[in-house]
Amino acid sequence: MIVHNVILSGGVGSRLWPLSRKQHPKQFLKLFSGKALFELTAERNQKIVDQIMVVGNADHIEWSKQLLSDISIPKSFITETSARNTAAAISFAALAVDSEDILIITPSDHLIQNQDAYEKAIKEAVELAKKDFLVTFGVVPSKPETGYGYIEYEGKDVLSFREKPNSETAQEFLERGTFLWNSGMFCFKAGVLLEELKKYQPEVFDKCSEVWKTSEDQCLNMEASLQIPSISIDYAVMERSKKIKVVPAHFRWNDLGSFESLYDYLRSTGHPIDENGNMVIGTEIFTAFVGLKDSILVHTPDAFLILHKEKSQDVKKVYNQLEKYQSTLR
């Protein structure tokens, strides 16, 4: 039985535009003491797994190889020529290994602190996975966050999955104490995951199997990949299977999915803000905020973004407009 860390690295990070672009997504931004989130993910997991496997798109796979060149444990890379969401990406990882091997699925763009608590949660999940459970990691919430999905739980049992709530519901979840943030991290045997996928999403299973058989050097056929339904592993399996368990995790976790979360991180590291909580990212040019509070100015060589911190989830709308018109600023 080999334990693999499967690093999913196909996202764009559209809520962090203009810092994050299609050709330079957020997991590769060296914003964290000179390192990128992708590097930190691999470093965090190399101590507790046997091998690392990256599932990423064709634009970034070489970049991934360069960033992992100093990692000493065995590495493999699966190249997606067409992104088909997390159910397909994880399926390919499962098809690439022995059915008894254990996969620890981690996105490449999460910031996790407190290594001891992290390793404790991983070891707990691996033991559950050995018993043929599909394990999800739920982070004990520290505030009423509206940007995350939630897991209602009792002990290790999952009672329900909840979509991103409004602020009132998020506050209620926090006060009840029976809800966890859905981290998007998972642990299971490869074979058990494939069995459950075949049971609940047979078309995804069949199409992924067909694509895998025709792949060359773990590079997936684009035309065949386009036939795979695009669906998340949450909807495909985790919210339907009867084999789900949850590990309540006490490490500090942030998916850095918005400028609000990036603001909180940068502020914790001493990044300057003015007396009204305003922050500048990306330039040393003198900037003054008049009549504004809790706002962020983001500067890149070809774009400015000015936003109120609490509206940071709406940045994706700007990116979507650029995508619609095929802008070079994407």
C-alpha atoms as a PDB file:
ATOM      1  CA  MET A   1       0.000   0.000   0.000  1.00  0.00           C
ATOM      2  CA  ILE A   2       1.516   3.297  -1.149  1.00  0.00           C
ATOM      3  CA  VAL A   3       0.268   6.655   0.133  1.00  0.00           C
ATOM      4  CA  HIS A   4       0.146   9.326  -2.580  1.00  0.00           C
ATOM      5  CA  ASN A   5      -0.410  13.045  -2.202  1.00  0.00           C
ATOM      6  CA  VAL A   6      -2.452  14.024  -5.249  1.00  0.00           C
ATOM      7  CA  ILE A   7      -2.029  17.759  -5.830  1.00  0.00           C
ATOM      8  CA  LEU A   8      -4.820  19.248  -7.934  1.00  0.00           C
ATOM      9  CA  SER A   9      -3.474  22.209  -9.878  1.00  0.00           C
ATOM     10  CA  GLY A  10      -5.940  23.073 -12.602  1.00  0.00           C
ATOM     11  CA  GLY A  11      -7.586  26.221 -11.248  1.00  0.00           C
ATOM     12  CA  VAL A  12      -7.217  29.805 -12.442  1.00  0.00           C
ATOM     13  CA  GLY A  13      -7.990  31.654  -9.207  1.00  0.00           C
ATOM     14  CA  SER A  14     -10.338  34.078 -10.918  1.00  0.00           C
ATOM     15  CA  ARG A  15     -11.319  35.787  -7.645  1.00  0.00           C
ATOM     16  CA  LEU A  16      -7.724  36.981  -7.298  1.00  0.00           C
ATOM     17  CA  TRP A  17      -7.620  38.723 -10.678  1.00  0.00           C
ATOM     18  CA  PRO A  18      -5.538  40.697 -11.707  1.00  0.00           C
ATOM     19  CA  LEU A  19      -2.810  39.046  -9.573  1.00  0.00           C
ATOM     20  CA  SER A  20      -3.945  35.621 -10.753  1.00  0.00           C
ATOM     21  CA  ARG A  21      -4.159  35.049 -14.516  1.00  0.00           C
ATOM     22  CA  LYS A  22      -4.817  32.082 -16.768  1.00  0.00           C
ATOM     23  CA  GLN A  23      -1.089  31.849 -17.541  1.00  0.00           C
ATOM     24  CA  HIS A  24      -0.014  32.639 -13.965  1.00  0.00           C
ATOM     25  CA  PRO A  25      -2.665  31.317 -11.545  1.00  0.00           C
ATOM     26  CA  LYS A  26      -2.697  31.937  -7.826  1.00  0.00           C
ATOM     27  CA  GLN A  27      -1.030  28.657  -6.830  1.00  0.00           C
ATOM     28  CA  PHE A  28       2.170  29.861  -8.543  1.00  0.00           C
ATOM     29  CA  LEU A  29       2.234  33.394  -7.102  1.00  0.00           C
ATOM     30  CA  LYS A  30       5.273  33.749  -4.822  1.00  0.00           C
ATOM     31  CA  LEU A  31       3.466  35.767  -2.164  1.00  0.00           C
ATOM     32  CA  PHE A  32       4.349  33.658   0.850  1.00  0.00           C
ATOM     33  CA  SER A  33       7.852  34.414   2.114  1.00  0.00           C
ATOM     34  CA  GLY A  34       9.133  34.059  -1.426  1.00  0.00           C
ATOM     35  CA  LYS A  35       7.336  30.783  -2.073  1.00  0.00           C
ATOM     36  CA  ALA A  36       4.182  29.806  -3.941  1.00  0.00           C
ATOM     37  CA  LEU A  37       1.234  27.920  -2.472  1.00  0.00           C
ATOM     38  CA  PHE A  38       2.001  25.029  -4.824  1.00  0.00           C
ATOM     39  CA  GLU A  39       5.493  24.667  -3.326  1.00  0.00           C
ATOM     40  CA  LEU A  40       4.173  24.898   0.220  1.00  0.00           C
ATOM     41  CA  THR A  41       1.613  22.164  -0.495  1.00  0.00           C
ATOM     42  CA  ALA A  42       4.280  19.729  -1.701  1.00  0.00           C
ATOM     43  CA  GLU A  43       6.663  20.573   1.151  1.00  0.00           C
ATOM     44  CA  ARG A  44       3.909  20.103   3.714  1.00  0.00           C
ATOM     45  CA  ASN A  45       3.010  16.650   2.413  1.00  0.00           C
ATOM     46  CA  GLN A  46       6.397  15.178   1.474  1.00  0.00           C
ATOM     47  CA  LYS A  47       7.050  14.264   5.109  1.00  0.00           C
ATOM     48  CA  ILE A  48       3.940  12.113   5.461  1.00  0.00           C
ATOM     49  CA  VAL A  49       3.453  10.410   2.073  1.00  0.00           C
ATOM     50  CA  ASP A  50       5.416   8.012  -0.110  1.00  0.00           C
ATOM     51  CA  GLN A  51       4.909   9.741  -3.456  1.00  0.00           C
ATOM     52  CA  ILE A  52       3.554  12.962  -4.952  1.00  0.00           C
ATOM     53  CA  MET A  53       1.301  13.050  -7.997  1.00  0.00           C
ATOM     54  CA  VAL A  54       0.321  16.297  -9.720  1.00  0.00           C
ATOM     55  CA  VAL A  55      -2.806  16.546 -11.856  1.00  0.00           C
ATOM     56  CA  GLY A  56      -2.587  19.799 -13.791  1.00  0.00           C
ATOM     57  CA  ASN A  57      -3.298  21.369 -17.133  1.00  0.00           C
ATOM     58  CA  ALA A  58      -0.959  21.433 -20.111  1.00  0.00           C
ATOM     59  CA  ASP A  59      -0.137  25.133 -19.651  1.00  0.00           C
ATOM     60  CA  HIS A  60       1.336  24.621 -16.180  1.00  0.00           C
ATOM     61  CA  ILE A  61       2.629  21.069 -15.900  1.00  0.00           C
ATOM     62  CA  GLU A  62       6.229  22.013 -16.768  1.00  0.00           C
ATOM     63  CA  TRP A  63       6.042  24.789 -14.204  1.00  0.00           C
ATOM     64  CA  SER A  64       4.939  22.205 -11.632  1.00  0.00           C
ATOM     65  CA  LYS A  65       7.906  19.980 -12.469  1.00  0.00           C
ATOM     66  CA  GLN A  66      10.333  22.867 -11.973  1.00  0.00           C
ATOM     67  CA  LEU A  67       8.875  23.840  -8.615  1.00  0.00           C
ATOM     68  CA  LEU A  68       9.099  20.255  -7.368  1.00  0.00           C
ATOM     69  CA  SER A  69      12.660  19.646  -8.553  1.00  0.00           C
ATOM     70  CA  ASP A  70      13.992  19.849  -4.993  1.00  0.00           C
ATOM     71  CA  ILE A  71      11.440  17.391  -3.576  1.00  0.00           C
ATOM     72  CA  SER A  72      13.271  14.115  -2.989  1.00  0.00           C
ATOM     73  CA  ILE A  73      10.405  11.586  -2.942  1.00  0.00           C
ATOM     74  CA  PRO A  74       9.092  10.016  -6.197  1.00  0.00           C
ATOM     75  CA  LYS A  75       6.891  12.271  -8.316  1.00  0.00           C
ATOM     76  CA  SER A  76       4.527  11.730 -11.229  1.00  0.00           C
ATOM     77  CA  PHE A  77       2.502  14.105 -13.395  1.00  0.00           C
ATOM     78  CA  ILE A  78      -0.836  13.709 -15.169  1.00  0.00           C
ATOM     79  CA  THR A  79      -1.450  16.333 -17.851  1.00  0.00           C
ATOM     80  CA  GLU A  80      -5.040  17.391 -18.484  1.00  0.00           C
ATOM     81  CA  THR A  81      -5.493  18.825 -21.955  1.00  0.00           C
ATOM     82  CA  SER A  82      -9.038  19.885 -21.122  1.00  0.00           C
ATOM     83  CA  ALA A  83     -10.205  20.694 -17.591  1.00  0.00           C
ATOM     84  CA  ARG A  84     -13.217  18.555 -16.632  1.00  0.00           C
ATOM     85  CA  ASN A  85     -13.556  19.416 -12.925  1.00  0.00           C
ATOM     86  CA  THR A  86     -12.428  17.484  -9.861  1.00  0.00           C
ATOM     87  CA  ALA A  87     -14.326  14.201 -10.351  1.00  0.00           C
ATOM     88  CA  ALA A  88     -12.385  13.549 -13.553  1.00  0.00           C
ATOM     89  CA  ALA A  89      -9.043  14.801 -12.190  1.00  0.00           C
ATOM     90  CA  ILE A  90      -9.286  12.559  -9.130  1.00  0.00           C
ATOM     91  CA  SER A  91     -10.461   9.625 -11.235  1.00  0.00           C
ATOM     92  CA  PHE A  92      -7.320   9.817 -13.354  1.00  0.00           C
ATOM     93  CA  ALA A  93      -5.184   9.798 -10.215  1.00  0.00           C
ATOM     94  CA  ALA A  94      -7.034   6.717  -8.977  1.00  0.00           C
ATOM     95  CA  LEU A  95      -6.671   4.956 -12.341  1.00  0.00           C
ATOM     96  CA  ALA A  96      -2.914   5.616 -12.293  1.00  0.00           C
ATOM     97  CA  VAL A  97      -2.198   3.609  -9.124  1.00  0.00           C
ATOM     98  CA  ASP A  98      -2.955   0.277  -7.471  1.00  0.00           C
ATOM     99  CA  SER A  99      -6.499  -0.096  -6.142  1.00  0.00           C
ATOM    100  CA  GLU A 100      -5.223  -0.549  -2.559  1.00  0.00           C
ATOM    101  CA  ASP A 101      -3.093   2.609  -2.673  1.00  0.00           C
ATOM    102  CA  ILE A 102      -4.287   5.545  -0.612  1.00  0.00           C
ATOM    103  CA  LEU A 103      -4.784   8.963  -2.169  1.00  0.00           C
ATOM    104  CA  ILE A 104      -4.607  12.147  -0.119  1.00  0.00           C
ATOM    105  CA  ILE A 105      -6.241  14.763  -2.330  1.00  0.00           C
ATOM    106  CA  THR A 106      -5.105  18.343  -1.729  1.00  0.00           C
ATOM    107  CA  PRO A 107      -5.726  21.448  -3.821  1.00  0.00           C
ATOM    108  CA  SER A 108      -2.521  23.272  -4.707  1.00  0.00           C
ATOM    109  CA  ASP A 109      -3.694  26.713  -3.593  1.00  0.00           C
ATOM    110  CA  HIS A 110      -4.537  26.381   0.097  1.00  0.00           C
ATOM    111  CA  LEU A 111      -2.579  27.947   2.941  1.00  0.00           C
ATOM    112  CA  ILE A 112      -2.276  25.644   5.955  1.00  0.00           C
ATOM    113  CA  GLN A 113      -0.498  26.441   9.186  1.00  0.00           C
ATOM    114  CA  ASN A 114       0.259  24.256  12.230  1.00  0.00           C
ATOM    115  CA  GLN A 115       2.016  21.250  10.721  1.00  0.00           C
ATOM    116  CA  ASP A 116       1.559  19.068  13.817  1.00  0.00           C
ATOM    117  CA  ALA A 117      -2.238  19.393  13.741  1.00  0.00           C
ATOM    118  CA  TYR A 118      -2.178  18.837   9.975  1.00  0.00           C
ATOM    119  CA  GLU A 119      -0.174  15.615  10.244  1.00  0.00           C
ATOM    120  CA  LYS A 120      -2.452  14.365  13.035  1.00  0.00           C
ATOM    121  CA  ALA A 121      -5.520  14.884  10.816  1.00  0.00           C
ATOM    122  CA  ILE A 122      -3.862  13.175   7.835  1.00  0.00           C
ATOM    123  CA  LYS A 123      -2.865  10.117   9.888  1.00  0.00           C
ATOM    124  CA  GLU A 124      -6.398   9.876  11.281  1.00  0.00           C
ATOM    125  CA  ALA A 125      -7.832  10.014   7.755  1.00  0.00           C
ATOM    126  CA  VAL A 126      -5.432   7.358   6.447  1.00  0.00           C
ATOM    127  CA  GLU A 127      -6.546   4.938   9.165  1.00  0.00           C
ATOM    128  CA  LEU A 128     -10.193   5.486   8.178  1.00  0.00           C
ATOM    129  CA  ALA A 129      -9.313   5.077   4.498  1.00  0.00           C
ATOM    130  CA  LYS A 130      -7.690   1.713   5.256  1.00  0.00           C
ATOM    131  CA  LYS A 131     -11.151   0.604   6.458  1.00  0.00           C
ATOM    132  CA  ASP A 132     -12.620   1.517   3.041  1.00  0.00           C
ATOM    133  CA  PHE A 133     -14.163   4.837   4.049  1.00  0.00           C
ATOM    134  CA  LEU A 134     -14.103   7.940   1.870  1.00  0.00           C
ATOM    135  CA  VAL A 135     -12.787  10.665   4.152  1.00  0.00           C
ATOM    136  CA  THR A 136     -13.319  14.392   3.880  1.00  0.00           C
ATOM    137  CA  PHE A 137     -11.547  16.984   6.014  1.00  0.00           C
ATOM    138  CA  GLY A 138     -13.688  19.558   7.789  1.00  0.00           C
ATOM    139  CA  VAL A 139     -11.961  22.559   9.320  1.00  0.00           C
ATOM    140  CA  VAL A 140     -13.267  23.799  12.665  1.00  0.00           C
ATOM    141  CA  PRO A 141     -14.551  27.313  11.788  1.00  0.00           C
ATOM    142  CA  SER A 142     -13.096  30.390  13.458  1.00  0.00           C
ATOM    143  CA  LYS A 143     -15.660  32.882  12.116  1.00  0.00           C
ATOM    144  CA  PRO A 144     -18.988  32.969  10.214  1.00  0.00           C
ATOM    145  CA  GLU A 145     -17.477  32.587   6.749  1.00  0.00           C
ATOM    146  CA  THR A 146     -19.782  32.919   3.718  1.00  0.00           C
ATOM    147  CA  GLY A 147     -17.180  31.935   1.133  1.00  0.00           C
ATOM    148  CA  TYR A 148     -16.989  28.235   2.092  1.00  0.00           C
ATOM    149  CA  GLY A 149     -19.324  25.269   1.956  1.00  0.00           C
ATOM    150  CA  TYR A 150     -20.073  23.554   5.268  1.00  0.00           C
ATOM    151  CA  ILE A 151     -20.271  19.996   6.614  1.00  0.00           C
ATOM    152  CA  GLU A 152     -22.762  19.179   9.357  1.00  0.00           C
ATOM    153  CA  TYR A 153     -21.298  16.418  11.495  1.00  0.00           C
ATOM    154  CA  GLU A 154     -21.485  14.309  14.627  1.00  0.00           C
ATOM    155  CA  GLY A 155     -18.261  12.625  15.683  1.00  0.00           C
ATOM    156  CA  LYS A 156     -16.804  11.225  12.439  1.00  0.00           C
ATOM    157  CA  ASP A 157     -20.217  10.943  10.755  1.00  0.00           C
ATOM    158  CA  VAL A 158     -21.369  13.398   8.097  1.00  0.00           C
ATOM    159  CA  LEU A 159     -24.995  14.450   8.579  1.00  0.00           C
ATOM    160  CA  SER A 160     -25.219  16.819   5.597  1.00  0.00           C
ATOM    161  CA  PHE A 161     -23.295  19.007   3.172  1.00  0.00           C
ATOM    162  CA  ARG A 162     -24.376  22.656   2.912  1.00  0.00           C
ATOM    163  CA  GLU A 163     -23.773  25.212   0.174  1.00  0.00           C
ATOM    164  CA  LYS A 164     -22.084  28.549   0.876  1.00  0.00           C
ATOM    165  CA  PRO A 165     -24.452  30.288   3.333  1.00  0.00           C
ATOM    166  CA  ASN A 166     -25.502  33.906   3.724  1.00  0.00           C
ATOM    167  CA  SER A 167     -24.069  35.791   6.705  1.00  0.00           C
ATOM    168  CA  GLU A 168     -27.001  35.019   9.027  1.00  0.00           C
ATOM    169  CA  THR A 169     -26.854  31.287   8.312  1.00  0.00           C
ATOM    170  CA  ALA A 170     -23.072  31.260   8.665  1.00  0.00           C
ATOM    171  CA  GLN A 171     -23.429  32.844  12.108  1.00  0.00           C
ATOM    172  CA  GLU A 172     -26.002  30.208  13.037  1.00  0.00           C
ATOM    173  CA  PHE A 173     -23.663  27.417  11.881  1.00  0.00           C
ATOM    174  CA  LEU A 174     -20.867  28.850  14.028  1.00  0.00           C
ATOM    175  CA  GLU A 175     -23.051  29.133  17.111  1.00  0.00           C
ATOM    176  CA  ARG A 176     -24.446  25.609  16.792  1.00  0.00           C
ATOM    177  CA  GLY A 177     -20.946  24.141  16.823  1.00  0.00           C
ATOM    178  CA  THR A 178     -21.891  21.137  14.683  1.00  0.00           C
ATOM    179  CA  PHE A 179     -20.622  22.511  11.372  1.00  0.00           C
ATOM    180  CA  LEU A 180     -17.190  22.466   9.747  1.00  0.00           C
ATOM    181  CA  TRP A 181     -15.778  24.299   6.760  1.00  0.00           C
ATOM    182  CA  ASN A 182     -15.580  22.008   3.735  1.00  0.00           C
ATOM    183  CA  SER A 183     -11.865  22.081   2.931  1.00  0.00           C
ATOM    184  CA  GLY A 184     -11.961  20.306  -0.441  1.00  0.00           C
ATOM    185  CA  MET A 185      -9.392  17.796   0.848  1.00  0.00           C
ATOM    186  CA  PHE A 186     -10.065  14.053   0.782  1.00  0.00           C
ATOM    187  CA  CYS A 187      -8.488  10.692   1.587  1.00  0.00           C
ATOM    188  CA  PHE A 188      -9.461   7.247   0.290  1.00  0.00           C
ATOM    189  CA  LYS A 189      -8.279   4.080  -1.370  1.00  0.00           C
ATOM    190  CA  ALA A 190      -8.091   4.480  -5.139  1.00  0.00           C
ATOM    191  CA  GLY A 191     -10.223   1.405  -5.737  1.00  0.00           C
ATOM    192  CA  VAL A 192     -12.944   2.424  -3.284  1.00  0.00           C
ATOM    193  CA  LEU A 193     -13.251   5.844  -4.914  1.00  0.00           C
ATOM    194  CA  LEU A 194     -13.563   4.288  -8.372  1.00  0.00           C
ATOM    195  CA  GLU A 195     -16.201   1.825  -7.132  1.00  0.00           C
ATOM    196  CA  GLU A 196     -18.309   4.636  -5.720  1.00  0.00           C
ATOM    197  CA  LEU A 197     -17.853   6.764  -8.845  1.00  0.00           C
ATOM    198  CA  LYS A 198     -18.971   3.841 -10.997  1.00  0.00           C
ATOM    199  CA  LYS A 199     -22.006   3.427  -8.741  1.00  0.00           C
ATOM    200  CA  TYR A 200     -23.136   7.058  -8.659  1.00  0.00           C
ATOM    201  CA  GLN A 201     -21.694   8.529 -11.877  1.00  0.00           C
ATOM    202  CA  PRO A 202     -21.183   5.613 -14.290  1.00  0.00           C
ATOM    203  CA  GLU A 203     -20.793   7.909 -17.300  1.00  0.00           C
ATOM    204  CA  VAL A 204     -17.937   9.814 -15.661  1.00  0.00           C
ATOM    205  CA  PHE A 205     -16.299   6.527 -14.676  1.00  0.00           C
ATOM    206  CA  ASP A 206     -16.650   5.033 -18.170  1.00  0.00           C
ATOM    207  CA  LYS A 207     -15.437   8.134 -20.019  1.00  0.00           C
ATOM    208  CA  CYS A 208     -12.465   8.607 -17.681  1.00  0.00           C
ATOM    209  CA  SER A 209     -11.500   4.958 -18.082  1.00  0.00           C
ATOM    210  CA  GLU A 210     -11.643   5.298 -21.872  1.00  0.00           C
ATOM    211  CA  VAL A 211      -9.501   8.444 -21.811  1.00  0.00           C
ATOM    212  CA  TRP A 212      -6.964   6.858 -19.473  1.00  0.00           C
ATOM    213  CA  LYS A 213      -6.532   3.840 -21.737  1.00  0.00           C
ATOM    214  CA  THR A 214      -5.676   6.115 -24.684  1.00  0.00           C
ATOM    215  CA  SER A 215      -3.355   8.445 -22.757  1.00  0.00           C
ATOM    216  CA  GLU A 216       0.328   8.546 -23.666  1.00  0.00           C
ATOM    217  CA  ASP A 217       2.927   9.245 -20.984  1.00  0.00           C
ATOM    218  CA  GLN A 218       0.071  10.254 -18.672  1.00  0.00           C
ATOM    219  CA  CYS A 219      -0.926  13.035 -21.077  1.00  0.00           C
ATOM    220  CA  LEU A 220      -4.674  12.828 -21.702  1.00  0.00           C
ATOM    221  CA  ASN A 221      -6.293  12.888 -25.121  1.00  0.00           C
ATOM    222  CA  MET A 222      -8.074  16.207 -25.596  1.00  0.00           C
ATOM    223  CA  GLU A 223     -10.835  15.096 -27.931  1.00  0.00           C
ATOM    224  CA  ALA A 224     -11.769  12.148 -25.722  1.00  0.00           C
ATOM    225  CA  SER A 225     -11.520  14.276 -22.557  1.00  0.00           C
ATOM    226  CA  LEU A 226     -14.145  16.671 -23.855  1.00  0.00           C
ATOM    227  CA  GLN A 227     -16.681  13.842 -23.681  1.00  0.00           C
ATOM    228  CA  ILE A 228     -16.318  13.574 -19.881  1.00  0.00           C
ATOM    229  CA  PRO A 229     -19.123  15.291 -17.924  1.00  0.00           C
ATOM    230  CA  SER A 230     -17.718  18.220 -15.931  1.00  0.00           C
ATOM    231  CA  ILE A 231     -18.728  17.642 -12.311  1.00  0.00           C
ATOM    232  CA  SER A 232     -17.076  18.087  -8.940  1.00  0.00           C
ATOM    233  CA  ILE A 233     -16.141  15.137  -6.762  1.00  0.00           C
ATOM    234  CA  ASP A 234     -18.465  16.575  -4.087  1.00  0.00           C
ATOM    235  CA  TYR A 235     -21.554  16.321  -6.277  1.00  0.00           C
ATOM    236  CA  ALA A 236     -20.443  13.132  -8.026  1.00  0.00           C
ATOM    237  CA  VAL A 237     -19.586  11.028  -4.982  1.00  0.00           C
ATOM    238  CA  MET A 238     -19.008  12.676  -1.601  1.00  0.00           C
ATOM    239  CA  GLU A 239     -22.564  13.978  -1.150  1.00  0.00           C
ATOM    240  CA  ARG A 240     -24.092  10.647  -2.230  1.00  0.00           C
ATOM    241  CA  SER A 241     -21.924   7.813  -0.941  1.00  0.00           C
ATOM    242  CA  LYS A 242     -22.817   5.881   2.210  1.00  0.00           C
ATOM    243  CA  LYS A 243     -19.119   5.397   3.016  1.00  0.00           C
ATOM    244  CA  ILE A 244     -18.311   8.984   4.018  1.00  0.00           C
ATOM    245  CA  LYS A 245     -16.488   9.961   7.191  1.00  0.00           C
ATOM    246  CA  VAL A 246     -15.155  13.352   8.256  1.00  0.00           C
ATOM    247  CA  VAL A 247     -12.039  14.260  10.199  1.00  0.00           C
ATOM    248  CA  PRO A 248     -12.558  17.519  12.144  1.00  0.00           C
ATOM    249  CA  ALA A 249      -9.288  19.393  11.630  1.00  0.00           C
ATOM    250  CA  HIS A 250      -7.819  21.955  13.991  1.00  0.00           C
ATOM    251  CA  PHE A 251      -5.056  23.337  11.775  1.00  0.00           C
ATOM    252  CA  ARG A 252      -5.284  26.904  10.465  1.00  0.00           C
ATOM    253  CA  TRP A 253      -6.656  26.728   6.952  1.00  0.00           C
ATOM    254  CA  ASN A 254      -7.377  29.290   4.280  1.00  0.00           C
ATOM    255  CA  ASP A 255      -8.177  28.543   0.661  1.00  0.00           C
ATOM    256  CA  LEU A 256      -7.102  32.083  -0.286  1.00  0.00           C
ATOM    257  CA  GLY A 257     -10.022  32.153  -2.663  1.00  0.00           C
ATOM    258  CA  SER A 258     -10.620  35.878  -2.433  1.00  0.00           C
ATOM    259  CA  PHE A 259      -8.943  39.184  -1.726  1.00  0.00           C
ATOM    260  CA  GLU A 260     -10.620  39.239   1.665  1.00  0.00           C
ATOM    261  CA  SER A 261      -8.767  36.073   2.684  1.00  0.00           C
ATOM    262  CA  LEU A 262      -5.528  37.336   1.118  1.00  0.00           C
ATOM    263  CA  TYR A 263      -6.014  40.646   2.979  1.00  0.00           C
ATOM    264  CA  ASP A 264      -6.367  38.775   6.283  1.00  0.00           C
ATOM    265  CA  TYR A 265      -3.230  36.747   5.597  1.00  0.00           C
ATOM    266  CA  LEU A 266      -1.123  39.726   4.517  1.00  0.00           C
ATOM    267  CA  ARG A 267      -2.300  41.770   7.488  1.00  0.00           C
ATOM    268  CA  SER A 268      -1.264  38.936   9.839  1.00  0.00           C
ATOM    269  CA  THR A 269       2.251  39.073   8.358  1.00  0.00           C
ATOM    270  CA  GLY A 270       2.604  42.833   8.912  1.00  0.00           C
ATOM    271  CA  HIS A 271       1.571  44.127   5.476  1.00  0.00           C
ATOM    272  CA  PRO A 272       0.665  47.792   6.022  1.00  0.00           C
ATOM    273  CA  ILE A 273      -2.879  49.143   6.190  1.00  0.00           C
ATOM    274  CA  ASP A 274      -4.010  52.692   6.909  1.00  0.00           C
ATOM    275  CA  GLU A 275      -6.073  53.855   9.894  1.00  0.00           C
ATOM    276  CA  ASN A 276      -9.299  52.903   8.091  1.00  0.00           C
ATOM    277  CA  GLY A 277      -8.214  49.377   7.223  1.00  0.00           C
ATOM    278  CA  ASN A 278      -7.359  50.107   3.583  1.00  0.00           C
ATOM    279  CA  MET A 279      -4.597  48.086   1.899  1.00  0.00           C
ATOM    280  CA  VAL A 280      -2.460  48.435  -1.231  1.00  0.00           C
ATOM    281  CA  ILE A 281      -1.182  45.283  -2.973  1.00  0.00           C
ATOM    282  CA  GLY A 282       1.368  45.245  -5.770  1.00  0.00           C
ATOM    283  CA  THR A 283       2.901  48.723  -5.740  1.00  0.00           C
ATOM    284  CA  GLU A 284       5.026  51.049  -3.599  1.00  0.00           C
ATOM    285  CA  ILE A 285       3.510  54.123  -5.257  1.00  0.00           C
ATOM    286  CA  PHE A 286       2.030  56.462  -2.669  1.00  0.00           C
ATOM    287  CA  THR A 287      -1.702  55.781  -2.484  1.00  0.00           C
ATOM    288  CA  ALA A 288      -4.288  57.658  -0.398  1.00  0.00           C
ATOM    289  CA  PHE A 289      -7.825  56.481   0.348  1.00  0.00           C
ATOM    290  CA  VAL A 290     -10.293  59.317   1.028  1.00  0.00           C
ATOM    291  CA  GLY A 291     -13.702  58.488   2.475  1.00  0.00           C
ATOM    292  CA  LEU A 292     -13.093  54.757   2.128  1.00  0.00           C
ATOM    293  CA  LYS A 293     -12.587  52.016   4.692  1.00  0.00           C
ATOM    294  CA  ASP A 294     -11.720  48.305   4.463  1.00  0.00           C
ATOM    295  CA  SER A 295     -10.901  48.723   0.787  1.00  0.00           C
ATOM    296  CA  ILE A 296      -8.144  47.178  -1.319  1.00  0.00           C
ATOM    297  CA  LEU A 297      -6.227  48.588  -4.276  1.00  0.00           C
ATOM    298  CA  VAL A 298      -4.506  45.940  -6.392  1.00  0.00           C
ATOM    299  CA  HIS A 299      -1.899  46.987  -8.945  1.00  0.00           C
ATOM    300  CA  THR A 300      -0.255  45.018 -11.747  1.00  0.00           C
ATOM    301  CA  PRO A 301       1.651  46.414 -14.746  1.00  0.00           C
ATOM    302  CA  ASP A 302      -1.459  46.262 -16.933  1.00  0.00           C
ATOM    303  CA  ALA A 303      -4.427  46.581 -14.551  1.00  0.00           C
ATOM    304  CA  PHE A 304      -5.824  48.205 -11.427  1.00  0.00           C
ATOM    305  CA  LEU A 305      -8.536  46.708  -9.235  1.00  0.00           C
ATOM    306  CA  ILE A 306     -10.238  48.680  -6.489  1.00  0.00           C
ATOM    307  CA  LEU A 307     -12.714  46.891  -4.274  1.00  0.00           C
ATOM    308  CA  HIS A 308     -14.382  46.874  -0.906  1.00  0.00           C
ATOM    309  CA  LYS A 309     -13.033  43.928   1.068  1.00  0.00           C
ATOM    310  CA  GLU A 310     -16.473  42.454   1.737  1.00  0.00           C
ATOM    311  CA  LYS A 311     -17.262  42.406  -1.999  1.00  0.00           C
ATOM    312  CA  SER A 312     -14.211  40.327  -2.863  1.00  0.00           C
ATOM    313  CA  GLN A 313     -16.273  37.340  -4.046  1.00  0.00           C
ATOM    314  CA  ASP A 314     -17.596  39.554  -6.867  1.00  0.00           C
ATOM    315  CA  VAL A 315     -14.157  39.903  -8.476  1.00  0.00           C
ATOM    316  CA  LYS A 316     -14.940  36.722 -10.397  1.00  0.00           C
ATOM    317  CA  LYS A 317     -17.570  38.717 -12.329  1.00  0.00           C
ATOM    318  CA  VAL A 318     -14.814  40.952 -13.701  1.00  0.00           C
ATOM    319  CA  TYR A 319     -12.808  37.923 -14.761  1.00  0.00           C
ATOM    320  CA  ASN A 320     -15.883  36.339 -16.367  1.00  0.00           C
ATOM    321  CA  GLN A 321     -16.419  39.470 -18.462  1.00  0.00           C
ATOM    322  CA  LEU A 322     -12.803  39.380 -19.616  1.00  0.00           C
ATOM    323  CA  GLU A 323     -13.206  35.700 -20.423  1.00  0.00           C
ATOM    324  CA  LYS A 324     -16.394  36.377 -22.371  1.00  0.00           C
ATOM    325  CA  TYR A 325     -14.626  38.846 -24.628  1.00  0.00           C
ATOM    326  CA  GLN A 326     -11.417  36.798 -24.836  1.00  0.00           C
ATOM    327  CA  SER A 327      -9.428  39.663 -23.337  1.00  0.00           C
ATOM    328  CA  THR A 328      -5.646  39.412 -23.152  1.00  0.00           C
ATOM    329  CA  LEU A 329      -5.998  40.545 -19.523  1.00  0.00           C
ATOM    330  CA  ARG A 330      -7.438  37.185 -18.449  1.00  0.00           C
END
